[in-house]
Protein backbone atom coordinates (compact mmCIF):
# COMPACT_ATOMS: atom_id res chain seq x y z
CA UNK A 1 0.00 0.00 0.00
CA UNK A 2 1.27 3.47 -0.89
CA UNK A 3 1.15 5.91 2.03
CA UNK A 4 1.31 9.68 1.61
CA UNK A 5 2.53 9.90 5.23
CA UNK A 6 4.08 7.32 7.55
CA UNK A 7 2.11 6.02 10.52
CA UNK A 8 3.37 7.63 13.73
CA UNK A 9 5.20 4.74 15.38
CA UNK A 10 5.14 6.13 18.92
CA UNK A 11 1.38 6.58 18.78
CA UNK A 12 1.00 3.18 17.12
CA UNK A 13 2.84 1.53 20.00
CA UNK A 14 0.56 3.22 22.53
CA UNK A 15 -2.58 2.41 20.54
CA UNK A 16 -1.55 -1.25 20.29
CA UNK A 17 -0.13 -1.88 23.75
CA UNK A 18 -0.95 1.07 25.99
CA UNK A 19 -3.14 0.44 29.01
CA UNK A 20 -6.36 2.38 29.32
CA UNK A 21 -9.34 3.07 27.09
CA UNK A 22 -10.48 5.52 24.42
CA UNK A 23 -12.53 8.51 25.54
CA UNK A 24 -15.04 9.32 22.79
CA UNK A 25 -15.58 13.10 22.82
CA UNK A 26 -16.89 13.24 19.27
CA UNK A 27 -20.57 14.14 19.57
CA UNK A 28 -21.40 15.79 16.24
CA UNK A 29 -23.90 18.46 15.21
CA UNK A 30 -26.90 16.17 15.43
CA UNK A 31 -26.03 14.70 18.84
CA UNK A 32 -24.59 17.87 20.40
CA UNK A 33 -27.90 19.12 21.90
CA UNK A 34 -28.38 15.78 23.65
CA UNK A 35 -24.81 15.88 24.97
CA UNK A 36 -25.31 19.41 26.28
CA UNK A 37 -28.62 18.46 27.93
CA UNK A 38 -26.85 15.61 29.67
CA UNK A 39 -24.31 18.16 30.88
CA UNK A 40 -27.08 20.38 32.27
CA UNK A 41 -27.21 22.97 29.46
CA UNK A 42 -30.66 23.40 27.94
CA UNK A 43 -31.27 24.49 24.34
CA UNK A 44 -32.39 27.88 25.62
CA UNK A 45 -28.73 28.66 26.30
CA UNK A 46 -28.04 28.79 22.55
CA UNK A 47 -31.47 29.61 21.12
CA UNK A 48 -32.95 33.06 20.54
CA UNK A 49 -36.35 33.88 19.00
CA UNK A 50 -36.79 30.20 18.20
CA UNK A 51 -33.56 30.04 16.17
CA UNK A 52 -30.70 27.79 17.23
CA UNK A 53 -27.29 29.48 17.19
CA UNK A 54 -24.97 26.68 16.03
CA UNK A 55 -21.85 28.71 16.72
CA UNK A 56 -22.86 29.27 20.33
CA UNK A 57 -23.84 25.61 20.66
CA UNK A 58 -20.42 24.47 19.48
CA UNK A 59 -18.74 27.04 21.73
CA UNK A 60 -20.58 25.53 24.72
CA UNK A 61 -19.74 21.94 23.83
CA UNK A 62 -16.09 22.91 23.30
CA UNK A 63 -16.08 24.42 26.79
CA UNK A 64 -17.42 21.12 28.09
CA UNK A 65 -14.79 19.10 26.25
CA UNK A 66 -12.03 21.47 27.33
CA UNK A 67 -13.09 21.06 30.96
CA UNK A 68 -12.90 17.27 30.55
CA UNK A 69 -9.60 17.18 28.68
CA UNK A 70 -7.78 19.65 30.96
CA UNK A 71 -8.87 17.87 34.16
CA UNK A 72 -6.06 16.09 35.99
CA UNK A 73 -8.29 13.00 36.01
CA UNK A 74 -8.12 12.88 32.20
CA UNK A 75 -4.64 11.37 31.87
CA UNK A 76 -2.66 8.72 30.02
CA UNK A 77 -2.45 6.47 33.07
CA UNK A 78 -6.09 5.53 32.43
CA UNK A 79 -6.90 6.89 28.95
CA UNK A 80 -5.02 5.61 25.90
CA UNK A 81 -6.70 7.77 23.26
CA UNK A 82 -9.52 10.22 22.61
CA UNK A 83 -11.81 10.76 19.60
CA UNK A 84 -12.51 14.35 18.59
CA UNK A 85 -15.24 15.93 16.48
CA UNK A 86 -13.93 17.88 13.47
CA UNK A 87 -14.97 21.22 15.01
CA UNK A 88 -13.00 20.30 18.16
CA UNK A 89 -9.90 19.43 16.15
CA UNK A 90 -10.03 22.85 14.52
CA UNK A 91 -10.20 24.62 17.89
CA UNK A 92 -7.52 25.13 20.52
CA UNK A 93 -7.02 24.27 24.18
CA UNK A 94 -4.62 26.42 26.22
CA UNK A 95 -3.00 27.79 23.08
CA UNK A 96 -2.52 24.46 21.31
CA UNK A 97 -4.71 22.75 18.74
CA UNK A 98 -6.96 20.23 20.53
CA UNK A 99 -5.26 17.19 18.98
CA UNK A 100 -1.81 18.64 19.64
CA UNK A 101 -2.81 19.33 23.25
CA UNK A 102 -3.91 15.72 23.74
CA UNK A 103 -0.58 14.29 22.58
CA UNK A 104 1.91 16.95 23.66
CA UNK A 105 0.46 17.78 27.08
CA UNK A 106 -1.38 14.57 27.96
CA UNK A 107 0.34 11.86 25.89
CA UNK A 108 -3.13 10.69 24.79
CA UNK A 109 -3.48 9.47 21.19
CA UNK A 110 -5.82 11.74 19.15
CA UNK A 111 -8.40 10.35 16.74
CA UNK A 112 -10.89 12.21 14.51
CA UNK A 113 -14.53 11.35 13.79
CA UNK A 114 -14.59 11.70 10.01
CA UNK A 115 -18.01 10.48 8.92
CA UNK A 116 -20.92 12.82 8.09
CA UNK A 117 -23.69 10.82 9.72
CA UNK A 118 -25.99 7.98 8.71
CA UNK A 119 -28.04 7.35 5.58
CA UNK A 120 -31.68 6.22 5.92
CA UNK A 121 -32.19 2.60 6.92
CA UNK A 122 -32.18 0.05 4.11
CA UNK A 123 -31.78 -3.75 4.23
CA UNK A 124 -31.78 -3.60 8.01
CA UNK A 125 -28.78 -1.25 8.24
CA UNK A 126 -27.74 2.38 8.02
CA UNK A 127 -24.71 3.00 5.85
CA UNK A 128 -22.69 6.17 6.17
CA UNK A 129 -23.66 9.18 4.12
CA UNK A 130 -21.12 10.19 1.45
CA UNK A 131 -18.12 11.90 3.08
CA UNK A 132 -17.47 14.95 0.95
CA UNK A 133 -13.97 16.42 0.96
CA UNK A 134 -12.59 13.45 2.88
CA UNK A 135 -9.04 13.63 1.48
CA UNK A 136 -8.77 17.32 2.41
CA UNK A 137 -10.08 16.59 5.91
CA UNK A 138 -7.57 13.76 6.33
CA UNK A 139 -4.67 15.99 5.26
CA UNK A 140 -5.82 18.60 7.77
CA UNK A 141 -5.95 15.89 10.43
CA UNK A 142 -2.39 14.85 9.58
CA UNK A 143 -1.27 18.49 9.92
CA UNK A 144 -2.77 18.53 13.44
CA UNK A 145 -0.92 15.38 14.48
CA UNK A 146 -4.00 13.13 14.49
CA UNK A 147 -3.20 9.39 14.57
CA UNK A 148 -6.41 7.84 13.32
CA UNK A 149 -10.06 8.30 12.45
CA UNK A 150 -13.44 6.86 13.40
CA UNK A 151 -16.55 6.34 11.28
CA UNK A 152 -19.85 4.79 12.34
CA UNK A 153 -22.59 2.83 10.64
CA UNK A 154 -25.37 0.81 12.31
CA UNK A 155 -26.84 -2.69 11.97
CA UNK A 156 -30.47 -2.76 13.16
CA UNK A 157 -31.43 -6.29 12.17
CA UNK A 158 -29.93 -9.36 10.56
CA UNK A 159 -29.66 -9.04 6.80
CA UNK A 160 -26.71 -10.57 4.99
CA UNK A 161 -26.73 -8.08 2.12
CA UNK A 162 -27.02 -5.13 4.49
CA UNK A 163 -24.22 -6.28 6.79
CA UNK A 164 -22.01 -7.07 3.81
CA UNK A 165 -22.64 -3.58 2.41
CA UNK A 166 -21.70 -1.99 5.75
CA UNK A 167 -18.40 -3.85 6.02
CA UNK A 168 -17.58 -3.25 2.35
CA UNK A 169 -18.14 0.49 2.84
CA UNK A 170 -16.14 0.58 6.07
CA UNK A 171 -13.16 -1.14 4.47
CA UNK A 172 -13.34 0.86 1.23
CA UNK A 173 -13.22 4.17 3.09
CA UNK A 174 -10.79 2.71 5.63
CA UNK A 175 -8.31 2.01 2.82
CA UNK A 176 -8.66 5.60 1.59
CA UNK A 177 -7.90 6.80 5.13
CA UNK A 178 -4.98 4.43 5.61
CA UNK A 179 -3.27 5.78 2.48
CA UNK A 180 -2.86 9.10 4.34
CA UNK A 181 -0.85 7.35 7.08
CA UNK A 182 -3.82 7.37 9.47
CA UNK A 183 -5.21 4.33 11.26
CA UNK A 184 -8.98 4.04 10.68
CA UNK A 185 -11.33 2.79 13.38
CA UNK A 186 -14.05 0.85 11.56
CA UNK A 187 -17.27 1.07 13.58
CA UNK A 188 -20.22 -1.05 12.44
CA UNK A 189 -22.40 -0.75 15.55
CA UNK A 190 -25.00 -3.44 16.25
CA UNK A 191 -28.16 -1.99 17.81
CA UNK A 192 -28.28 -3.48 21.33
CA UNK A 193 -32.07 -3.74 21.11
CA UNK A 194 -32.05 -5.88 17.96
CA UNK A 195 -33.69 -9.26 18.70
CA UNK A 196 -31.31 -11.08 16.35
CA UNK A 197 -28.16 -9.21 17.36
CA UNK A 198 -26.13 -12.36 18.10
CA UNK A 199 -26.78 -13.64 14.59
CA UNK A 200 -25.81 -10.28 13.11
CA UNK A 201 -22.58 -10.23 15.12
CA UNK A 202 -21.57 -13.68 13.87
CA UNK A 203 -22.10 -12.62 10.28
CA UNK A 204 -20.30 -9.34 10.94
CA UNK A 205 -17.29 -11.29 12.21
CA UNK A 206 -17.26 -13.46 9.07
CA UNK A 207 -17.25 -10.31 6.93
CA UNK A 208 -14.37 -8.83 8.93
CA UNK A 209 -12.41 -12.04 8.42
CA UNK A 210 -13.14 -12.06 4.67
CA UNK A 211 -11.76 -8.56 4.21
CA UNK A 212 -8.77 -9.08 6.50
CA UNK A 213 -7.78 -12.24 4.60
CA UNK A 214 -7.52 -10.14 1.42
CA UNK A 215 -5.83 -7.10 2.98
CA UNK A 216 -2.31 -5.90 2.21
CA UNK A 217 0.21 -6.94 4.84
CA UNK A 218 0.94 -3.34 5.80
CA UNK A 219 -2.70 -2.30 6.41
CA UNK A 220 -3.38 -1.32 10.02
CA UNK A 221 -6.91 -0.77 11.31
CA UNK A 222 -8.81 -0.70 14.57
CA UNK A 223 -12.28 -2.17 15.01
CA UNK A 224 -15.03 -0.69 17.19
CA UNK A 225 -18.04 -2.87 17.88
CA UNK A 226 -20.96 -3.07 20.27
CA UNK A 227 -20.14 -5.11 23.37
CA UNK A 228 -20.87 -8.57 21.93
CA UNK A 229 -23.62 -10.88 23.12
CA UNK A 230 -21.00 -13.66 23.24
CA UNK A 231 -18.01 -12.26 25.18
CA UNK A 232 -15.40 -14.36 23.32
CA UNK A 233 -16.80 -13.80 19.83
CA UNK A 234 -14.00 -11.50 18.63
CA UNK A 235 -11.11 -13.37 20.29
CA UNK A 236 -9.57 -14.43 16.98
CA UNK A 237 -9.40 -10.82 15.71
CA UNK A 238 -7.22 -9.81 18.65
CA UNK A 239 -4.19 -11.58 17.16
CA UNK A 240 -4.73 -10.56 13.54
CA UNK A 241 -1.62 -8.57 12.49
CA UNK A 242 -3.76 -5.99 10.67
CA UNK A 243 -5.80 -5.19 13.80
CA UNK A 244 -4.14 -2.70 16.15
CA UNK A 245 -6.93 -2.90 18.74
CA UNK A 246 -10.53 -4.00 19.19
CA UNK A 247 -12.60 -1.50 21.17
CA UNK A 248 -16.27 -1.36 22.18
CA UNK A 249 -18.87 1.36 22.46
CA UNK A 250 -21.33 1.53 25.35
CA UNK A 251 -24.19 1.50 22.85
CA UNK A 252 -26.85 2.91 25.14
CA UNK A 253 -26.06 0.86 28.23
CA UNK A 254 -25.62 2.84 31.45
CA UNK A 255 -22.03 2.84 32.64
CA UNK A 256 -22.32 0.11 35.31
CA UNK A 257 -23.98 -2.32 32.92
CA UNK A 258 -21.59 -1.47 30.09
CA UNK A 259 -18.61 -2.00 32.40
CA UNK A 260 -19.96 -5.31 33.66
CA UNK A 261 -20.47 -6.64 30.13
CA UNK A 262 -17.13 -5.30 28.87
CA UNK A 263 -15.24 -6.87 31.77
CA UNK A 264 -16.19 -10.29 30.40
CA UNK A 265 -14.67 -9.65 26.94
CA UNK A 266 -10.95 -10.53 26.78
CA UNK A 267 -8.67 -8.06 25.03
CA UNK A 268 -11.41 -5.51 24.23
CA UNK A 269 -11.14 -2.02 25.71
CA UNK A 270 -13.79 0.67 26.00
CA UNK A 271 -14.42 3.55 23.64
CA UNK A 272 -17.22 5.11 25.66
CA UNK A 273 -18.95 8.48 25.26
CA UNK A 274 -22.26 8.73 27.11
CA UNK A 275 -21.13 6.23 29.73
CA UNK A 276 -18.04 8.36 30.38
CA UNK A 277 -19.82 11.71 30.60
CA UNK A 278 -23.15 10.72 32.17
CA UNK A 279 -22.47 12.10 35.67
CA UNK A 280 -20.80 15.37 34.65
CA UNK A 281 -22.70 18.66 34.96
CA UNK A 282 -21.92 22.27 34.14
CA UNK A 283 -23.09 23.35 37.61
CA UNK A 284 -20.55 21.19 39.44
CA UNK A 285 -17.63 22.80 41.21
CA UNK A 286 -14.21 21.83 39.90
CA UNK A 287 -13.79 19.47 42.85
CA UNK A 288 -17.17 17.82 42.21
CA UNK A 289 -16.51 17.63 38.48
CA UNK A 290 -13.09 16.03 38.91
CA UNK A 291 -14.44 13.51 41.40
CA UNK A 292 -17.29 12.48 39.07
CA UNK A 293 -14.83 12.19 36.17
CA UNK A 294 -12.42 10.14 38.31
CA UNK A 295 -15.15 7.67 39.26
CA UNK A 296 -16.09 7.24 35.60
CA UNK A 297 -12.52 6.96 34.32
CA UNK A 298 -11.43 4.51 37.02
CA UNK A 299 -14.42 2.21 36.51
CA UNK A 300 -14.11 2.15 32.70
CA UNK A 301 -10.37 1.55 33.02
CA UNK A 302 -10.96 -1.40 35.34
CA UNK A 303 -13.49 -2.94 32.94
CA UNK A 304 -11.08 -2.47 30.02
CA UNK A 305 -7.92 -3.83 31.63
CA UNK A 306 -8.87 -6.11 34.54
CA UNK A 307 -11.14 -8.76 33.12
CA UNK A 308 -13.65 -10.97 34.87
CA UNK A 309 -13.35 -13.99 32.59
CA UNK A 310 -15.23 -17.26 32.99
């Protein structure tokens, strides 16, 4: 494979072997209001005369993310990497670009959410919308010192054609990303409320294996999945030389339940968003905020690293 930039080897080593989990701070435009509500900021804070002020909304969410990232509890002893929204990458924290701050000040590997949201459901799944200007975005990410990317699609019910289309799309775009020297996180989420989720996950695994068997030797990817129904389902992917890490989203589970389920999955670490931020609030004092963040970080770290295997 021809790379326009080399993969950062120091970040690659941490992504592959570093202890800790990935903090997903990548809520996008559509999910930002929900994230702010969870943080105690109502839409009235960025709405006037019935019109939403997107700039003010993103200013507020960047303040929230800055408070999280600059906390002493947000550190590389527990957190291996963090996923940023594009708007966050283009902003600064304490005089440094957000991605540069993560690596230079915190030694936390920066990732970028690069998808543009989900297409309407078809064949039981939601593919990603077309990602316009992706190559330009990836070059901008490289200039900011970003290590990898993340892109999400969703499986709602078992459908072989739909699941195959999701994995094909994830790998096609993943190859485009990898050629920029970035490590893509492929994220085909399985809806945790799907009645045939276990069947979907087995077929998803077979599609991963099909693509990996055909991949160039020098391709490096990460895989982000829902916490599987069968805790050992993805064991064989953990040793695939193409796969830097397998990580899991919380998928709508509250933190305690997500942690309990994740702790049973060998080798899989968390990449949590809502479960990480659920107890944080704008009205908290710095002491209260840091304590709530510490509780979350410590518990997710324990579930990621110290497994309760049967």
